[in-house]
């Protein structure tokens, strides 16, 4: 029998956008359960393609959460030990 396991601390990315004109990259995540999903993501950082993206907000009409990364200035993200 073949087995599989559920990946821990991973999430599916809905979209990734680069806006060089704004010096910003964006990652969007679906949050189908609305606030119940979003409250687990607030004040969180996700890593995508070895880059850190900070939570910036969500749209309750489309149930999407948004994360952003500055390409030209510092990203204020710290590691908690």
Protein backbone atom coordinates (compact mmCIF):
# COMPACT_ATOMS: atom_id res chain seq x y z
CA UNK A 1 0.00 0.00 0.00
CA UNK A 2 1.23 3.49 -0.82
CA UNK A 3 0.83 6.22 1.77
CA UNK A 4 0.86 9.98 1.84
CA UNK A 5 1.00 12.51 4.62
CA UNK A 6 -0.40 15.99 5.06
CA UNK A 7 2.28 18.68 4.89
CA UNK A 8 2.51 20.74 8.05
CA UNK A 9 2.92 24.52 8.00
CA UNK A 10 2.22 24.76 4.26
CA UNK A 11 -0.54 26.57 2.42
CA UNK A 12 -1.69 26.71 -1.20
CA UNK A 13 -0.90 29.95 -3.02
CA UNK A 14 -3.75 31.26 -5.18
CA UNK A 15 -1.67 33.79 -7.09
CA UNK A 16 1.70 35.51 -7.17
CA UNK A 17 2.13 38.92 -8.77
CA UNK A 18 5.18 41.11 -9.32
CA UNK A 19 4.70 44.86 -9.67
CA UNK A 20 8.14 46.31 -10.53
CA UNK A 21 6.54 49.72 -11.04
CA UNK A 22 5.53 49.66 -7.35
CA UNK A 23 8.60 47.74 -6.18
CA UNK A 24 6.32 45.15 -4.65
CA UNK A 25 5.49 41.45 -4.90
CA UNK A 26 2.15 40.06 -3.79
CA UNK A 27 0.91 36.60 -2.78
CA UNK A 28 -2.81 35.84 -2.55
CA UNK A 29 -4.34 32.98 -0.58
CA UNK A 30 -7.93 31.72 -0.65
CA UNK A 31 -9.69 31.86 2.72
CA UNK A 32 -12.98 30.04 2.03
CA UNK A 33 -14.11 30.21 5.67
CA UNK A 34 -13.69 33.98 5.84
CA UNK A 35 -12.60 35.42 9.16
CA UNK A 36 -12.19 31.96 10.71
CA UNK A 37 -9.33 31.34 8.26
CA UNK A 38 -7.98 34.91 8.24
CA UNK A 39 -7.60 35.20 12.00
CA UNK A 40 -5.01 32.39 11.81
CA UNK A 41 -3.00 34.39 9.25
CA UNK A 42 -2.97 37.88 10.76
CA UNK A 43 0.47 39.09 11.86
CA UNK A 44 2.00 36.08 10.10
CA UNK A 45 4.77 35.78 7.52
CA UNK A 46 4.76 33.25 4.71
CA UNK A 47 7.80 32.19 2.74
CA UNK A 48 7.34 31.69 -1.00
CA UNK A 49 10.25 31.02 -3.35
CA UNK A 50 12.65 31.76 -0.45
CA UNK A 51 11.14 35.24 0.04
CA UNK A 52 9.22 36.44 3.10
CA UNK A 53 5.83 38.05 2.62
CA UNK A 54 3.97 39.86 5.42
CA UNK A 55 0.19 39.74 5.90
CA UNK A 56 -1.41 42.97 4.72
CA UNK A 57 -5.13 42.31 4.83
CA UNK A 58 -8.06 40.48 3.28
CA UNK A 59 -11.14 40.99 1.14
CA UNK A 60 -14.27 39.58 2.74
CA UNK A 61 -16.22 39.81 -0.53
CA UNK A 62 -13.82 37.54 -2.44
CA UNK A 63 -12.45 35.60 0.59
CA UNK A 64 -8.82 36.27 -0.28
CA UNK A 65 -5.94 37.11 2.06
CA UNK A 66 -3.04 39.23 0.83
CA UNK A 67 0.65 39.15 1.65
CA UNK A 68 3.23 41.63 0.37
CA UNK A 69 6.98 41.98 0.02
CA UNK A 70 8.89 45.18 -0.74
CA UNK A 71 11.48 44.70 -3.47
CA UNK A 72 13.31 48.02 -3.07
CA UNK A 73 13.16 48.81 0.63
CA UNK A 74 13.59 46.84 3.84
CA UNK A 75 11.02 44.31 4.87
CA UNK A 76 10.50 44.59 8.61
CA UNK A 77 10.39 40.90 9.45
CA UNK A 78 12.21 39.41 12.41
CA UNK A 79 12.84 35.83 13.51
CA UNK A 80 11.49 34.89 16.94
CA UNK A 81 13.73 32.54 18.88
